[in-house]
Protein backbone atom coordinates (compact mmCIF):
# COMPACT_ATOMS: atom_id res chain seq x y z
CA MET A 1 89.43 123.53 102.74
CA ARG A 2 93.00 124.56 101.97
CA THR A 3 93.88 126.11 98.61
CA ILE A 4 96.11 123.19 97.59
CA ASP A 5 93.24 120.75 98.20
CA ARG A 6 90.88 122.85 96.09
CA VAL A 7 93.41 123.07 93.24
CA LEU A 8 93.95 119.30 93.26
CA LEU A 9 90.23 118.52 93.21
CA GLU A 10 89.51 121.16 90.57
CA ALA A 11 91.82 119.25 88.22
CA GLY A 12 89.03 116.66 88.03
CA LEU A 13 86.61 119.33 86.80
CA LEU A 14 88.91 120.03 83.84
CA VAL A 15 89.16 116.42 82.65
CA PRO A 16 85.93 116.17 80.55
CA PHE A 17 86.65 119.48 78.82
CA TRP A 18 90.29 118.62 78.11
CA LEU A 19 89.29 115.22 76.73
CA PHE A 20 86.59 116.67 74.47
CA PHE A 21 88.62 119.50 73.00
CA GLY A 22 91.90 117.57 72.93
CA VAL A 23 90.44 114.76 70.85
CA LEU A 24 88.47 117.17 68.67
CA ILE A 25 91.50 119.34 67.89
CA THR A 26 93.83 116.40 67.30
CA ALA A 27 91.32 114.62 65.06
CA SER A 28 90.97 117.79 62.96
CA GLN A 29 94.59 117.25 61.88
CA PHE A 30 93.90 113.64 60.82
CA PRO A 31 92.36 113.60 57.31
CA GLY A 32 89.44 111.20 57.05
CA TYR A 33 89.35 110.41 60.77
CA SER A 34 85.97 109.05 61.90
CA HIS A 35 84.81 109.71 65.46
CA MET A 36 82.06 107.17 64.83
CA ASP A 37 84.24 104.20 63.86
CA LEU A 38 87.84 104.84 64.94
CA ALA A 39 89.35 104.46 68.40
CA MET A 40 90.89 107.49 70.06
CA SER A 41 94.12 105.48 70.20
CA GLN A 42 94.35 105.71 66.42
CA LEU A 43 95.20 109.39 66.81
CA GLY A 44 98.53 108.38 68.32
CA ALA A 45 99.08 105.17 66.34
CA VAL A 46 102.33 104.49 64.53
CA GLY A 47 102.12 106.05 61.07
CA ALA A 48 99.18 108.32 61.92
CA PRO A 49 99.56 111.99 60.89
CA THR A 50 98.96 112.95 64.55
CA HIS A 51 101.28 110.27 65.99
CA ASP A 52 103.75 112.75 67.48
CA VAL A 53 101.30 115.33 68.82
CA SER A 54 98.45 113.20 70.20
CA PRO A 55 100.19 111.92 73.38
CA TRP A 56 101.22 115.47 74.31
CA VAL A 57 97.74 116.89 73.76
CA ASN A 58 95.72 113.98 75.15
CA ASN A 59 97.29 111.15 77.15
CA LEU A 60 99.97 112.98 79.09
CA PRO A 61 98.08 116.11 80.26
CA LEU A 62 94.97 114.04 81.00
CA GLY A 63 97.12 111.64 83.00
CA VAL A 64 98.48 114.54 85.05
CA LEU A 65 94.95 115.84 85.72
CA PHE A 66 93.82 112.38 86.89
CA VAL A 67 96.83 112.04 89.20
CA LEU A 68 96.22 115.50 90.68
CA CYS A 69 92.53 114.80 91.25
CA GLY A 70 93.32 111.40 92.79
CA ALA A 71 95.82 113.10 95.13
CA GLY A 72 93.08 115.57 96.08
CA GLN A 73 90.73 112.70 96.89
CA LEU A 74 93.44 111.07 99.02
CA ARG A 75 93.79 114.27 101.05
CA ARG A 76 90.05 114.99 101.20
CA PHE A 77 88.98 111.53 102.44
CA GLN A 78 92.07 110.41 104.34
CA ASP A 79 90.03 108.83 107.16
CA SER A 80 88.25 106.31 104.90
CA ARG A 81 90.12 103.24 103.68
CA LEU A 82 87.64 102.57 100.87
CA ALA A 83 87.84 106.17 99.69
CA TRP A 84 91.64 105.90 99.72
CA ILE A 85 91.45 102.82 97.52
CA ALA A 86 89.10 104.65 95.14
CA ALA A 87 91.46 107.65 95.05
CA LEU A 88 94.47 105.42 94.38
CA LEU A 89 92.53 103.87 91.48
CA VAL A 90 92.12 107.36 90.01
CA VAL A 91 95.88 107.91 90.34
CA VAL A 92 96.53 104.53 88.69
CA HIS A 93 94.19 105.54 85.88
CA GLY A 94 96.24 108.69 85.30
CA LEU A 95 99.50 106.73 85.19
CA ALA A 96 97.95 104.23 82.78
CA SER A 97 96.84 107.12 80.55
CA MET A 98 100.43 108.31 80.38
CA SER A 99 101.57 104.77 79.63
CA ALA A 100 99.03 104.45 76.81
CA GLY A 101 100.50 107.60 75.27
CA TYR A 102 104.09 106.49 75.74
CA PHE A 103 103.39 103.12 74.10
CA PRO A 104 101.44 103.86 70.89
CA CYS A 105 99.41 101.18 69.19
CA ASP A 106 100.57 99.74 65.88
CA GLN A 107 99.22 101.12 62.62
CA GLY A 108 95.47 100.47 62.60
CA CYS A 109 95.60 99.38 66.27
CA VAL A 110 94.49 95.79 65.48
CA PRO A 111 97.57 94.06 64.00
CA ALA A 112 97.67 90.31 63.44
CA GLU A 113 101.00 90.18 65.29
CA PRO A 114 101.06 92.98 67.88
CA SER A 115 104.36 94.59 68.79
CA PHE A 116 105.56 95.06 72.37
CA SER A 117 104.31 98.66 72.20
CA GLN A 118 100.86 97.47 71.10
CA ARG A 119 100.68 94.93 73.92
CA MET A 120 101.68 97.57 76.46
CA HIS A 121 99.13 99.97 74.98
CA ASN A 122 96.41 97.33 75.30
CA LEU A 123 97.40 96.59 78.89
CA SER A 124 97.36 100.31 79.71
CA GLY A 125 93.89 100.62 78.20
CA LEU A 126 92.63 97.67 80.25
CA VAL A 127 94.03 99.20 83.44
CA MET A 128 92.40 102.51 82.54
CA PHE A 129 88.98 100.89 82.14
CA LEU A 130 89.19 98.72 85.26
CA SER A 131 90.58 101.42 87.55
CA LEU A 132 87.95 104.08 86.91
CA THR A 133 85.09 101.56 86.76
CA LEU A 134 86.13 100.07 90.11
CA ALA A 135 86.48 103.55 91.60
CA SER A 136 82.92 104.44 90.57
CA ALA A 137 81.68 101.11 91.95
CA LEU A 138 83.25 101.87 95.36
CA TRP A 139 81.47 105.21 95.49
CA ILE A 140 78.13 103.43 95.26
CA PHE A 141 78.78 102.63 98.93
CA LEU A 142 80.70 105.79 99.83
CA GLY A 143 78.35 108.44 98.43
CA ARG A 144 75.90 108.40 101.32
CA ARG A 145 78.54 107.74 103.99
CA LEU A 146 81.12 110.41 103.09
CA LEU A 147 79.17 112.96 101.09
CA GLY A 148 75.76 112.53 102.70
CA SER A 149 74.38 112.06 99.20
CA PRO A 150 72.30 109.00 98.31
CA GLY A 151 71.86 110.68 94.93
CA PHE A 152 75.58 110.41 94.22
CA SER A 153 75.50 106.75 95.23
CA ARG A 154 72.76 106.13 92.67
CA PHE A 155 74.65 108.19 90.08
CA SER A 156 77.78 106.08 90.69
CA LEU A 157 75.71 102.91 90.25
CA LEU A 158 74.29 104.21 86.98
CA CYS A 159 77.75 105.18 85.68
CA THR A 160 79.20 101.79 86.65
CA VAL A 161 76.42 99.92 84.86
CA LEU A 162 76.71 102.14 81.78
CA ALA A 163 80.49 101.61 81.71
CA LEU A 164 79.97 97.84 81.63
CA VAL A 165 77.23 98.06 79.00
CA THR A 166 79.23 100.32 76.70
CA VAL A 167 82.38 98.19 76.95
CA GLY A 168 80.23 95.28 75.77
CA LEU A 169 79.02 97.40 72.86
CA MET A 170 82.65 98.27 72.08
CA ALA A 171 83.50 94.57 71.84
CA ALA A 172 80.55 93.96 69.50
CA ALA A 173 81.51 96.98 67.37
CA MET A 174 85.07 95.71 67.07
CA GLU A 175 83.69 92.52 65.57
CA SER A 176 81.41 94.34 63.12
CA GLY A 177 83.93 97.06 62.27
CA HIS A 178 81.39 99.86 62.81
CA GLY A 179 80.59 102.12 65.76
CA PHE A 180 83.61 101.41 67.96
CA GLY A 181 84.60 105.07 68.18
CA LEU A 182 81.11 106.09 69.25
CA TYR A 183 80.84 103.50 72.02
CA GLN A 184 84.38 104.19 73.22
CA ARG A 185 83.57 107.88 73.55
CA LEU A 186 80.37 107.08 75.42
CA ASN A 187 82.28 104.72 77.71
CA TYR A 188 85.06 107.16 78.55
CA GLY A 189 82.75 110.16 78.56
CA ILE A 190 80.62 108.54 81.27
CA ALA A 191 83.74 107.81 83.33
CA VAL A 192 85.19 111.32 83.17
CA ILE A 193 81.83 112.98 83.86
CA TRP A 194 81.49 110.74 86.92
CA LEU A 195 84.92 111.88 88.13
CA ALA A 196 84.09 115.54 87.53
CA VAL A 197 80.87 115.20 89.54
CA LEU A 198 82.79 113.49 92.36
CA ALA A 199 85.35 116.34 92.34
CA TRP A 200 82.54 118.91 92.44
CA MET A 201 80.79 117.12 95.30
CA SER A 202 84.09 116.87 97.19
CA LEU A 203 84.68 120.61 96.80
CA ARG A 204 81.31 121.31 98.38
């Protein structure tokens, strides 16, 4: 495997760590911020004390890492159409992450009359969820075929199911007003760990 391919795929290994420490460090500058109840988007919301810094620490660099890893997948599995689609979904996820940072949500992130920026932020978030969830679903079928790993196929199935379950819990938490931050972190944490495992398996 060429050095450039290894560097691109290794970007996927960095994603979970960047997400964890980026959110942790940014939230430390937000007095009273609750990881249990508040969305990560609130770190970059209009009027938040971390409004200016959050996109540069979280959305934009994470987006770049996703795009690099997706490009690595495109190069690594260029003979498989399904794998190409999955890789393009990872690239789309990275671009949507950048978009979510460029278009911050309104103050509180749940306004009665959302601004254009809020609507774009919501759309970016939806694309982020769908793209990575669909990518993991495709690898349910690709794991054995391309990696020779039925275990990774089962892992992809588990991650896809957990992504759907946790997004349902997020919706319920939004209604109750409690626990949204926890379920969002579980949802995204599962997705980025799945990507890191895929990158590691691809490097092998």
